[in-house]
N, C-alpha and C. Protein backbone atom coordinates (compact mmCIF):
# COMPACT_ATOMS: atom_id res chain seq x y z
N UNK A 1 97.17 147.16 45.32
CA UNK A 1 96.00 146.55 45.90
C UNK A 1 94.79 147.47 45.74
N UNK A 2 93.65 146.89 45.47
CA UNK A 2 92.47 147.73 45.33
C UNK A 2 91.38 147.38 46.33
N UNK A 3 91.56 146.33 47.13
CA UNK A 3 90.56 145.93 48.11
C UNK A 3 91.21 145.88 49.49
N UNK A 4 90.61 146.58 50.43
CA UNK A 4 91.14 146.66 51.79
C UNK A 4 90.22 145.93 52.75
N UNK A 5 90.78 145.01 53.51
CA UNK A 5 90.08 144.32 54.58
C UNK A 5 90.74 144.70 55.90
N UNK A 6 89.94 145.08 56.87
CA UNK A 6 90.47 145.58 58.13
C UNK A 6 89.98 144.75 59.31
N UNK A 7 90.89 144.43 60.21
CA UNK A 7 90.53 143.97 61.54
C UNK A 7 90.02 145.18 62.32
N UNK A 8 89.35 144.95 63.45
CA UNK A 8 88.81 146.06 64.23
C UNK A 8 89.66 146.35 65.47
N UNK A 9 89.58 145.48 66.48
CA UNK A 9 90.26 145.74 67.75
C UNK A 9 91.77 145.67 67.60
N UNK A 10 92.44 146.73 68.04
CA UNK A 10 93.90 146.78 67.94
C UNK A 10 94.40 147.26 66.60
N UNK A 11 93.48 147.44 65.65
CA UNK A 11 93.85 147.91 64.32
C UNK A 11 93.20 149.26 64.02
N UNK A 12 91.89 149.31 64.11
CA UNK A 12 91.15 150.56 63.93
C UNK A 12 90.78 151.18 65.27
N UNK A 13 90.45 150.31 66.22
CA UNK A 13 89.93 150.76 67.51
C UNK A 13 90.89 150.39 68.63
N UNK A 14 91.26 151.37 69.43
CA UNK A 14 92.12 151.16 70.59
C UNK A 14 91.23 150.66 71.74
N UNK A 15 91.06 149.35 71.80
CA UNK A 15 90.07 148.77 72.72
C UNK A 15 90.67 147.70 73.63
N UNK A 16 91.97 147.62 73.69
CA UNK A 16 92.60 146.55 74.47
C UNK A 16 92.29 146.70 75.96
N UNK A 17 92.29 147.93 76.48
CA UNK A 17 91.94 148.13 77.88
C UNK A 17 90.51 147.64 78.14
N UNK A 18 89.61 147.96 77.22
CA UNK A 18 88.22 147.51 77.33
C UNK A 18 88.13 145.99 77.33
N UNK A 19 88.85 145.35 76.42
CA UNK A 19 88.81 143.89 76.31
C UNK A 19 89.36 143.23 77.57
N UNK A 20 90.51 143.68 78.03
CA UNK A 20 91.12 143.07 79.22
C UNK A 20 90.25 143.30 80.45
N UNK A 21 89.71 144.49 80.61
CA UNK A 21 88.85 144.78 81.75
C UNK A 21 87.60 143.90 81.72
N UNK A 22 87.07 143.66 80.53
CA UNK A 22 85.88 142.81 80.38
C UNK A 22 86.20 141.36 80.74
N UNK A 23 87.35 140.88 80.31
CA UNK A 23 87.76 139.52 80.66
C UNK A 23 87.96 139.37 82.17
N UNK A 24 88.63 140.31 82.77
CA UNK A 24 88.88 140.23 84.22
C UNK A 24 87.56 140.26 85.00
N UNK A 25 86.65 141.12 84.59
CA UNK A 25 85.35 141.20 85.25
C UNK A 25 84.62 139.85 85.14
N UNK A 26 84.66 139.26 83.95
CA UNK A 26 83.94 138.01 83.71
C UNK A 26 84.52 136.85 84.50
N UNK A 27 85.83 136.73 84.53
CA UNK A 27 86.44 135.61 85.26
C UNK A 27 86.25 135.77 86.77
N UNK A 28 86.27 137.01 87.25
CA UNK A 28 86.00 137.22 88.68
C UNK A 28 84.56 136.84 89.02
N UNK A 29 83.63 137.27 88.17
CA UNK A 29 82.22 137.04 88.44
C UNK A 29 81.85 135.57 88.42
N UNK A 30 82.46 134.81 87.53
CA UNK A 30 82.06 133.41 87.35
C UNK A 30 82.99 132.40 88.01
N UNK A 31 84.26 132.74 88.10
CA UNK A 31 85.23 131.78 88.61
C UNK A 31 85.88 132.21 89.92
N UNK A 32 85.68 133.48 90.28
CA UNK A 32 86.29 133.98 91.50
C UNK A 32 87.79 134.10 91.40
N UNK A 33 88.30 134.27 90.19
CA UNK A 33 89.74 134.39 90.00
C UNK A 33 90.02 135.22 88.76
N UNK A 34 91.28 135.62 88.59
CA UNK A 34 91.68 136.37 87.41
C UNK A 34 92.83 135.66 86.72
N UNK A 35 92.92 135.90 85.43
CA UNK A 35 94.04 135.43 84.62
C UNK A 35 94.88 136.65 84.26
N UNK A 36 96.09 136.43 83.84
CA UNK A 36 96.98 137.55 83.53
C UNK A 36 96.57 138.23 82.22
N UNK A 37 97.01 139.46 82.07
CA UNK A 37 96.78 140.17 80.81
C UNK A 37 97.37 139.39 79.64
N UNK A 38 98.56 138.84 79.84
CA UNK A 38 99.21 138.10 78.76
C UNK A 38 98.39 136.90 78.32
N UNK A 39 97.74 136.25 79.27
CA UNK A 39 96.90 135.10 78.93
C UNK A 39 95.79 135.53 77.99
N UNK A 40 95.10 136.60 78.31
CA UNK A 40 93.99 137.05 77.48
C UNK A 40 94.48 137.64 76.17
N UNK A 41 95.58 138.36 76.21
CA UNK A 41 96.11 138.95 74.97
C UNK A 41 96.45 137.90 73.93
N UNK A 42 96.92 136.75 74.37
CA UNK A 42 97.30 135.70 73.43
C UNK A 42 96.13 135.26 72.56
N UNK A 43 94.92 135.40 73.06
CA UNK A 43 93.75 134.97 72.31
C UNK A 43 93.03 136.08 71.58
N UNK A 44 93.45 137.33 71.80
CA UNK A 44 92.78 138.46 71.13
C UNK A 44 92.93 138.30 69.62
N UNK A 45 91.82 138.40 68.93
CA UNK A 45 91.81 138.18 67.49
C UNK A 45 91.13 136.88 67.11
N UNK A 46 90.91 136.01 68.12
CA UNK A 46 90.15 134.79 67.91
C UNK A 46 88.76 134.98 68.51
N UNK A 47 87.79 134.14 68.15
CA UNK A 47 86.42 134.34 68.65
C UNK A 47 86.31 134.30 70.17
N UNK A 48 85.52 135.21 70.71
CA UNK A 48 85.31 135.32 72.15
C UNK A 48 84.79 134.01 72.74
N UNK A 49 83.87 133.37 72.05
CA UNK A 49 83.30 132.12 72.55
C UNK A 49 84.39 131.07 72.79
N UNK A 50 85.37 131.01 71.88
CA UNK A 50 86.45 130.05 72.03
C UNK A 50 87.36 130.39 73.21
N UNK A 51 87.60 131.68 73.42
CA UNK A 51 88.45 132.09 74.53
C UNK A 51 87.81 131.73 75.87
N UNK A 52 86.50 131.96 75.97
CA UNK A 52 85.81 131.66 77.22
C UNK A 52 85.63 130.16 77.42
N UNK A 53 85.47 129.43 76.34
CA UNK A 53 85.31 127.98 76.44
C UNK A 53 86.55 127.34 77.07
N UNK A 54 87.71 127.97 76.88
CA UNK A 54 88.96 127.40 77.40
C UNK A 54 89.02 127.42 78.92
N UNK A 55 88.22 128.28 79.56
CA UNK A 55 88.25 128.36 81.03
C UNK A 55 86.94 127.93 81.67
N UNK A 56 85.91 127.72 80.86
CA UNK A 56 84.61 127.30 81.40
C UNK A 56 84.58 125.79 81.64
N UNK A 57 83.78 125.36 82.60
CA UNK A 57 83.69 123.94 82.90
C UNK A 57 82.77 123.21 81.93
N UNK A 58 81.83 123.93 81.33
CA UNK A 58 80.92 123.31 80.36
C UNK A 58 80.30 124.39 79.49
N UNK A 59 79.49 123.99 78.53
CA UNK A 59 78.89 124.94 77.59
C UNK A 59 77.94 125.92 78.28
N UNK A 60 77.24 125.45 79.30
CA UNK A 60 76.31 126.34 80.02
C UNK A 60 77.06 127.47 80.70
N UNK A 61 78.17 127.14 81.35
CA UNK A 61 78.98 128.18 82.00
C UNK A 61 79.59 129.10 80.95
N UNK A 62 80.06 128.53 79.85
CA UNK A 62 80.62 129.35 78.77
C UNK A 62 79.60 130.37 78.28
N UNK A 63 78.37 129.93 78.04
CA UNK A 63 77.34 130.84 77.53
C UNK A 63 76.99 131.92 78.55
N UNK A 64 76.98 131.56 79.82
CA UNK A 64 76.71 132.55 80.87
C UNK A 64 77.84 133.57 80.94
N UNK A 65 79.06 133.10 80.80
CA UNK A 65 80.20 134.01 80.80
C UNK A 65 80.17 134.92 79.59
N UNK A 66 79.75 134.39 78.47
CA UNK A 66 79.65 135.19 77.26
C UNK A 66 78.69 136.35 77.46
N UNK A 67 77.55 136.07 78.05
CA UNK A 67 76.57 137.13 78.29
C UNK A 67 77.09 138.17 79.28
N UNK A 68 77.79 137.71 80.31
CA UNK A 68 78.38 138.64 81.28
C UNK A 68 79.41 139.54 80.60
N UNK A 69 80.27 138.94 79.81
CA UNK A 69 81.30 139.70 79.10
C UNK A 69 80.66 140.75 78.19
N UNK A 70 79.71 140.34 77.39
CA UNK A 70 79.10 141.25 76.42
C UNK A 70 78.40 142.41 77.12
N UNK A 71 77.63 142.11 78.17
CA UNK A 71 76.90 143.17 78.88
C UNK A 71 77.86 144.19 79.47
N UNK A 72 78.93 143.70 80.10
CA UNK A 72 79.92 144.60 80.70
C UNK A 72 80.65 145.39 79.63
N UNK A 73 81.06 144.70 78.56
CA UNK A 73 81.81 145.33 77.49
C UNK A 73 81.03 146.46 76.83
N UNK A 74 79.77 146.22 76.55
CA UNK A 74 78.95 147.25 75.91
C UNK A 74 78.70 148.42 76.85
N UNK A 75 78.53 148.12 78.15
CA UNK A 75 78.28 149.19 79.12
C UNK A 75 79.49 150.10 79.27
N UNK A 76 80.70 149.55 79.14
CA UNK A 76 81.93 150.32 79.32
C UNK A 76 82.54 150.79 77.99
N UNK A 77 81.95 150.40 76.89
CA UNK A 77 82.57 150.55 75.57
C UNK A 77 83.04 151.97 75.28
N UNK A 78 82.13 152.91 75.32
CA UNK A 78 82.48 154.26 74.87
C UNK A 78 83.38 155.00 75.85
N UNK A 79 83.48 154.51 77.07
CA UNK A 79 84.37 155.13 78.06
C UNK A 79 85.80 154.63 77.91
N UNK A 80 85.97 153.34 77.57
CA UNK A 80 87.30 152.75 77.56
C UNK A 80 87.90 152.59 76.17
N UNK A 81 87.08 152.60 75.12
CA UNK A 81 87.61 152.43 73.75
C UNK A 81 87.71 153.79 73.06
N UNK A 82 88.65 153.88 72.11
CA UNK A 82 88.80 155.13 71.35
C UNK A 82 89.46 154.82 70.01
N UNK A 83 89.25 155.66 69.02
CA UNK A 83 89.90 155.44 67.72
C UNK A 83 91.41 155.63 67.83
N UNK A 84 92.16 154.85 67.07
CA UNK A 84 93.58 155.15 66.93
C UNK A 84 93.72 156.42 66.08
N UNK A 85 94.68 157.27 66.37
CA UNK A 85 94.84 158.53 65.62
C UNK A 85 95.00 158.27 64.12
N UNK A 86 94.24 159.02 63.34
CA UNK A 86 94.37 158.98 61.89
C UNK A 86 93.55 157.92 61.20
N UNK A 87 93.00 156.98 61.94
CA UNK A 87 92.27 155.86 61.33
C UNK A 87 91.02 156.33 60.60
N UNK A 88 90.20 157.10 61.28
CA UNK A 88 88.92 157.51 60.68
C UNK A 88 89.16 158.34 59.43
N UNK A 89 90.06 159.29 59.48
CA UNK A 89 90.33 160.14 58.31
C UNK A 89 90.84 159.31 57.13
N UNK A 90 91.71 158.33 57.40
CA UNK A 90 92.26 157.52 56.32
C UNK A 90 91.18 156.68 55.64
N UNK A 91 90.31 156.10 56.42
CA UNK A 91 89.27 155.25 55.83
C UNK A 91 88.22 156.09 55.11
N UNK A 92 87.91 157.25 55.63
CA UNK A 92 87.01 158.16 54.92
C UNK A 92 87.61 158.54 53.57
N UNK A 93 88.92 158.80 53.53
CA UNK A 93 89.59 159.15 52.28
C UNK A 93 89.57 157.99 51.29
N UNK A 94 89.79 156.75 51.77
CA UNK A 94 89.74 155.58 50.90
C UNK A 94 88.32 155.40 50.35
N UNK A 95 87.35 155.61 51.19
CA UNK A 95 85.95 155.47 50.76
C UNK A 95 85.62 156.49 49.69
N UNK A 96 86.14 157.69 49.84
CA UNK A 96 85.90 158.74 48.84
C UNK A 96 86.50 158.36 47.49
N UNK A 97 87.53 157.54 47.50
CA UNK A 97 88.13 157.05 46.26
C UNK A 97 87.41 155.81 45.72
N UNK A 98 86.35 155.40 46.39
CA UNK A 98 85.56 154.22 46.01
C UNK A 98 86.35 152.92 46.11
N UNK A 99 87.25 152.87 47.06
CA UNK A 99 88.03 151.65 47.30
C UNK A 99 87.12 150.63 47.99
N UNK A 100 87.03 149.40 47.48
CA UNK A 100 86.24 148.36 48.17
C UNK A 100 86.87 148.04 49.53
N UNK A 101 86.04 148.05 50.58
CA UNK A 101 86.54 147.81 51.93
C UNK A 101 85.55 146.97 52.71
N UNK A 102 86.08 146.20 53.65
CA UNK A 102 85.24 145.42 54.54
C UNK A 102 85.92 145.27 55.89
N UNK A 103 85.12 145.09 56.91
CA UNK A 103 85.61 144.79 58.25
C UNK A 103 85.58 143.28 58.45
N UNK A 104 86.69 142.73 58.94
CA UNK A 104 86.78 141.30 59.21
C UNK A 104 87.21 141.15 60.66
N UNK A 105 86.28 140.82 61.53
CA UNK A 105 86.55 140.85 62.97
C UNK A 105 86.07 139.59 63.66
N UNK A 106 86.74 139.25 64.75
CA UNK A 106 86.30 138.14 65.58
C UNK A 106 85.29 138.59 66.63
N UNK A 107 84.92 139.84 66.58
CA UNK A 107 83.93 140.38 67.49
C UNK A 107 82.53 139.99 67.01
N UNK A 108 81.60 139.83 67.95
CA UNK A 108 80.21 139.62 67.57
C UNK A 108 79.67 140.89 66.94
N UNK A 109 78.65 140.75 66.10
CA UNK A 109 78.17 141.87 65.30
C UNK A 109 77.72 143.06 66.14
N UNK A 110 77.05 142.80 67.26
CA UNK A 110 76.57 143.94 68.05
C UNK A 110 77.73 144.74 68.63
N UNK A 111 78.82 144.07 69.00
CA UNK A 111 79.99 144.79 69.49
C UNK A 111 80.73 145.50 68.38
N UNK A 112 80.82 144.85 67.21
CA UNK A 112 81.50 145.46 66.07
C UNK A 112 80.75 146.70 65.60
N UNK A 113 79.43 146.62 65.59
CA UNK A 113 78.62 147.78 65.19
C UNK A 113 78.84 148.94 66.15
N UNK A 114 78.94 148.63 67.43
CA UNK A 114 79.21 149.67 68.43
C UNK A 114 80.57 150.32 68.18
N UNK A 115 81.55 149.49 67.83
CA UNK A 115 82.87 150.02 67.55
C UNK A 115 82.90 150.92 66.34
N UNK A 116 82.20 150.53 65.27
CA UNK A 116 82.15 151.37 64.07
C UNK A 116 81.43 152.68 64.34
N UNK A 117 80.42 152.64 65.18
CA UNK A 117 79.71 153.87 65.53
C UNK A 117 80.64 154.83 66.26
N UNK A 118 81.44 154.30 67.18
CA UNK A 118 82.40 155.13 67.91
C UNK A 118 83.44 155.72 66.96
N UNK A 119 83.83 154.94 65.95
CA UNK A 119 84.80 155.41 64.95
C UNK A 119 84.18 156.38 63.95
N UNK A 120 82.86 156.36 63.84
CA UNK A 120 82.19 157.17 62.83
C UNK A 120 82.33 156.59 61.44
N UNK A 121 82.42 155.25 61.35
CA UNK A 121 82.69 154.60 60.06
C UNK A 121 81.61 153.58 59.68
N UNK A 122 80.39 153.82 60.15
CA UNK A 122 79.32 152.87 59.85
C UNK A 122 79.02 152.79 58.35
N UNK A 123 79.08 153.93 57.67
CA UNK A 123 78.81 153.94 56.23
C UNK A 123 79.99 153.41 55.43
N UNK A 124 81.19 153.81 55.83
CA UNK A 124 82.38 153.44 55.08
C UNK A 124 82.67 151.94 55.17
N UNK A 125 82.37 151.33 56.30
CA UNK A 125 82.63 149.90 56.49
C UNK A 125 81.31 149.16 56.71
N UNK A 126 80.39 149.37 55.82
CA UNK A 126 79.07 148.75 55.93
C UNK A 126 79.13 147.25 55.65
N UNK A 127 80.16 146.79 54.93
CA UNK A 127 80.35 145.36 54.72
C UNK A 127 81.18 144.81 55.88
N UNK A 128 80.56 143.92 56.65
CA UNK A 128 81.22 143.37 57.83
C UNK A 128 81.08 141.86 57.85
N UNK A 129 82.14 141.19 58.27
CA UNK A 129 82.08 139.76 58.59
C UNK A 129 82.51 139.64 60.05
N UNK A 130 81.57 139.20 60.88
CA UNK A 130 81.80 139.12 62.32
C UNK A 130 81.78 137.67 62.78
N UNK A 131 82.03 137.47 64.07
CA UNK A 131 82.11 136.11 64.60
C UNK A 131 80.83 135.33 64.40
N UNK A 132 79.67 136.01 64.48
CA UNK A 132 78.41 135.32 64.33
C UNK A 132 78.00 135.12 62.88
N UNK A 133 78.88 135.49 61.95
CA UNK A 133 78.60 135.29 60.52
C UNK A 133 79.31 134.07 59.95
N UNK A 134 80.19 133.44 60.74
CA UNK A 134 81.02 132.36 60.21
C UNK A 134 80.97 131.14 61.12
N UNK A 135 81.35 130.01 60.55
CA UNK A 135 81.48 128.78 61.33
C UNK A 135 82.85 128.70 61.98
N UNK A 136 83.87 129.16 61.23
CA UNK A 136 85.25 129.13 61.72
C UNK A 136 85.79 130.55 61.76
N UNK A 137 86.23 130.99 62.93
CA UNK A 137 86.81 132.32 63.05
C UNK A 137 88.29 132.34 62.72
N UNK A 138 88.88 133.54 62.70
CA UNK A 138 90.32 133.65 62.51
C UNK A 138 91.05 132.83 63.58
N UNK A 139 92.12 132.15 63.21
CA UNK A 139 92.96 132.29 62.01
C UNK A 139 92.50 131.49 60.79
N UNK A 140 91.34 130.88 60.85
CA UNK A 140 90.79 130.20 59.67
C UNK A 140 90.52 131.23 58.58
N UNK A 141 90.65 130.87 57.31
CA UNK A 141 90.44 131.85 56.23
C UNK A 141 88.98 132.20 55.96
N UNK A 142 88.03 131.47 56.55
CA UNK A 142 86.62 131.70 56.22
C UNK A 142 86.17 133.16 56.33
N UNK A 143 86.50 133.89 57.41
CA UNK A 143 86.03 135.27 57.49
C UNK A 143 86.56 136.15 56.35
N UNK A 144 87.82 135.95 55.99
CA UNK A 144 88.42 136.74 54.91
C UNK A 144 87.76 136.41 53.58
N UNK A 145 87.59 135.14 53.32
CA UNK A 145 86.97 134.72 52.06
C UNK A 145 85.52 135.18 51.96
N UNK A 146 84.83 135.16 53.09
CA UNK A 146 83.43 135.61 53.08
C UNK A 146 83.34 137.11 52.80
N UNK A 147 84.29 137.89 53.32
CA UNK A 147 84.31 139.33 53.04
C UNK A 147 84.56 139.59 51.56
N UNK A 148 85.49 138.86 50.97
CA UNK A 148 85.77 139.01 49.54
C UNK A 148 84.55 138.64 48.70
N UNK A 149 83.85 137.60 49.12
CA UNK A 149 82.64 137.19 48.41
C UNK A 149 81.58 138.29 48.47
N UNK A 150 81.44 138.89 49.65
CA UNK A 150 80.46 139.97 49.81
C UNK A 150 80.79 141.18 48.95
N UNK A 151 82.08 141.45 48.78
CA UNK A 151 82.53 142.58 47.95
C UNK A 151 82.61 142.22 46.48
N UNK A 152 82.53 140.92 46.18
CA UNK A 152 82.71 140.41 44.81
C UNK A 152 84.10 140.79 44.29
N UNK A 153 85.09 140.55 45.13
CA UNK A 153 86.48 140.86 44.79
C UNK A 153 87.32 139.59 44.89
N UNK A 154 88.45 139.59 44.18
CA UNK A 154 89.34 138.43 44.12
C UNK A 154 90.44 138.56 45.18
N UNK A 155 90.89 137.44 45.74
CA UNK A 155 91.98 137.51 46.72
C UNK A 155 93.24 138.19 46.19
N UNK A 156 93.50 138.06 44.90
CA UNK A 156 94.73 138.63 44.35
C UNK A 156 94.75 140.15 44.41
N UNK A 157 93.59 140.76 44.59
CA UNK A 157 93.53 142.23 44.62
C UNK A 157 93.45 142.78 46.03
N UNK A 158 93.48 141.90 47.04
CA UNK A 158 93.14 142.32 48.40
C UNK A 158 94.32 142.30 49.35
N UNK A 159 94.21 143.12 50.39
CA UNK A 159 95.16 143.10 51.49
C UNK A 159 94.36 143.12 52.79
N UNK A 160 94.78 142.27 53.73
CA UNK A 160 94.14 142.22 55.04
C UNK A 160 95.08 142.86 56.04
N UNK A 161 94.58 143.89 56.71
CA UNK A 161 95.38 144.69 57.64
C UNK A 161 94.93 144.39 59.06
N UNK A 162 95.86 143.93 59.90
CA UNK A 162 95.51 143.60 61.27
C UNK A 162 96.66 143.81 62.23
N UNK A 163 96.43 143.41 63.47
CA UNK A 163 97.44 143.66 64.51
C UNK A 163 97.97 142.38 65.14
N UNK A 164 97.41 141.22 64.80
CA UNK A 164 97.80 139.99 65.48
C UNK A 164 98.24 138.91 64.50
N UNK A 165 98.90 137.90 65.05
CA UNK A 165 99.30 136.77 64.21
C UNK A 165 98.08 136.06 63.64
N UNK A 166 96.95 136.11 64.35
CA UNK A 166 95.73 135.46 63.88
C UNK A 166 95.21 136.13 62.60
N UNK A 167 95.34 137.45 62.54
CA UNK A 167 94.96 138.17 61.32
C UNK A 167 95.85 137.78 60.16
N UNK A 168 97.14 137.76 60.41
CA UNK A 168 98.10 137.45 59.35
C UNK A 168 97.89 136.03 58.83
N UNK A 169 97.71 135.09 59.73
CA UNK A 169 97.50 133.70 59.32
C UNK A 169 96.20 133.52 58.55
N UNK A 170 95.16 134.22 58.96
CA UNK A 170 93.88 134.13 58.24
C UNK A 170 94.02 134.67 56.83
N UNK A 171 94.70 135.80 56.69
CA UNK A 171 94.92 136.38 55.37
C UNK A 171 95.76 135.49 54.48
N UNK A 172 96.81 134.94 55.05
CA UNK A 172 97.68 134.05 54.26
C UNK A 172 96.91 132.83 53.79
N UNK A 173 96.11 132.25 54.66
CA UNK A 173 95.34 131.05 54.30
C UNK A 173 94.30 131.35 53.22
N UNK A 174 93.84 132.61 53.17
CA UNK A 174 92.85 133.01 52.18
C UNK A 174 93.48 133.45 50.87
N UNK A 175 94.80 133.57 50.84
CA UNK A 175 95.49 133.94 49.61
C UNK A 175 95.54 135.42 49.32
N UNK A 176 95.41 136.25 50.38
CA UNK A 176 95.50 137.70 50.17
C UNK A 176 96.83 138.20 50.73
N UNK A 177 97.23 139.39 50.32
CA UNK A 177 98.39 140.03 50.93
C UNK A 177 98.04 140.41 52.36
N UNK A 178 99.04 140.48 53.21
CA UNK A 178 98.80 140.79 54.61
C UNK A 178 99.69 141.95 55.06
N UNK A 179 99.18 142.70 56.02
CA UNK A 179 99.96 143.79 56.60
C UNK A 179 99.65 143.90 58.08
N UNK A 180 100.65 144.25 58.85
CA UNK A 180 100.51 144.46 60.28
C UNK A 180 100.64 145.94 60.59
N UNK A 181 99.95 146.39 61.62
CA UNK A 181 100.03 147.79 62.03
C UNK A 181 101.02 147.92 63.19
N UNK A 182 101.76 149.00 63.18
CA UNK A 182 102.79 149.21 64.19
C UNK A 182 102.30 149.78 65.49
N UNK A 183 100.97 150.02 65.61
CA UNK A 183 100.43 150.64 66.82
C UNK A 183 99.57 149.66 67.63
N UNK A 184 99.58 148.38 67.30
CA UNK A 184 98.78 147.40 68.03
C UNK A 184 99.39 147.04 69.37
N UNK A 185 98.73 146.15 70.13
CA UNK A 185 99.17 145.84 71.49
C UNK A 185 100.25 144.77 71.59
N UNK A 186 100.57 144.11 70.48
CA UNK A 186 101.48 142.97 70.54
C UNK A 186 102.91 143.39 70.20
N UNK A 187 103.90 142.78 70.84
CA UNK A 187 105.29 143.06 70.49
C UNK A 187 105.53 142.78 69.01
N UNK A 188 106.31 143.66 68.39
CA UNK A 188 106.53 143.54 66.94
C UNK A 188 107.12 142.19 66.56
N UNK A 189 108.02 141.67 67.39
CA UNK A 189 108.68 140.42 67.03
C UNK A 189 107.69 139.25 67.00
N UNK A 190 106.66 139.32 67.82
CA UNK A 190 105.65 138.25 67.82
C UNK A 190 104.84 138.29 66.53
N UNK A 191 104.37 139.46 66.15
CA UNK A 191 103.58 139.58 64.93
C UNK A 191 104.46 139.32 63.71
N UNK A 192 105.69 139.76 63.77
CA UNK A 192 106.61 139.56 62.64
C UNK A 192 106.90 138.08 62.40
N UNK A 193 106.75 137.26 63.45
CA UNK A 193 106.99 135.83 63.30
C UNK A 193 105.99 135.18 62.34
N UNK A 194 104.85 135.84 62.12
CA UNK A 194 103.85 135.33 61.18
C UNK A 194 104.16 135.75 59.75
N UNK A 195 105.18 136.57 59.55
CA UNK A 195 105.65 137.00 58.23
C UNK A 195 104.61 137.77 57.41
N UNK A 196 104.11 138.89 57.96
CA UNK A 196 103.23 139.73 57.14
C UNK A 196 104.00 140.28 55.95
N UNK A 197 103.29 140.60 54.88
CA UNK A 197 103.95 141.13 53.70
C UNK A 197 104.54 142.51 53.92
N UNK A 198 103.92 143.27 54.81
CA UNK A 198 104.43 144.60 55.08
C UNK A 198 103.90 145.11 56.42
N UNK A 199 104.50 146.21 56.87
CA UNK A 199 104.07 146.90 58.09
C UNK A 199 103.60 148.30 57.74
N UNK A 200 102.62 148.79 58.47
CA UNK A 200 102.20 150.18 58.38
C UNK A 200 102.50 150.85 59.71
N UNK A 201 103.15 152.00 59.65
CA UNK A 201 103.47 152.74 60.87
C UNK A 201 102.46 153.85 61.14
N UNK A 202 101.61 154.16 60.18
CA UNK A 202 100.54 155.13 60.37
C UNK A 202 99.41 154.82 59.39
N UNK A 203 98.16 155.15 59.74
CA UNK A 203 97.05 154.92 58.82
C UNK A 203 97.18 155.69 57.51
N UNK A 204 97.86 156.83 57.56
CA UNK A 204 98.02 157.63 56.35
C UNK A 204 98.72 156.85 55.25
N UNK A 205 99.56 155.88 55.61
CA UNK A 205 100.28 155.08 54.62
C UNK A 205 99.33 154.23 53.76
N UNK A 206 98.13 153.98 54.27
CA UNK A 206 97.16 153.22 53.47
C UNK A 206 96.83 153.94 52.17
N UNK A 207 96.88 155.24 52.20
CA UNK A 207 96.51 156.04 51.03
C UNK A 207 97.55 155.97 49.93
N UNK A 208 98.75 155.49 50.26
CA UNK A 208 99.82 155.39 49.26
C UNK A 208 99.91 154.00 48.63
N UNK A 209 99.09 153.08 49.11
CA UNK A 209 99.19 151.71 48.63
C UNK A 209 98.65 151.58 47.19
């Protein structure tokens, strides 16, 4: 493979605590109740707007919840999120080899940019496809295909690396190879049910691909 596409949350950035805390804060503020961690985890990897729409009474409430979530998430971002070990070094090494790379995330661009800044990978992953760049988010193939178009690369040369079934399904639908990371928040058997082409147990393994 010569083209690498990366998910962000749960793949490059250890941000699950941040995401869950943001969801709990938002549901308490707007609905006066909380949902379980498992409920929110099931939707991680899909667009935030869709996740909030599932519990909002109408579009106005959904949009208000979205703003609450984003404001809280950004305020707590650098305290609760952190890079997964080895991720930054591996991507810097791939970039030094001039490997085409892009970020493919269901996060809105302002949040994704904040995550890349925390990772120190703003230059290496300057090509990004975020939730506000597409009509259909993951597991739809549009984000993956749009990233390949931006890189001017073919699906046959690409691999999409993520932590959720939504990542794997999006990659499969786009016709690229798929890989799951062994350090994400989801049980291996759940992600394995989507049949990724391979697993990575450490970021250093990306350099051997």
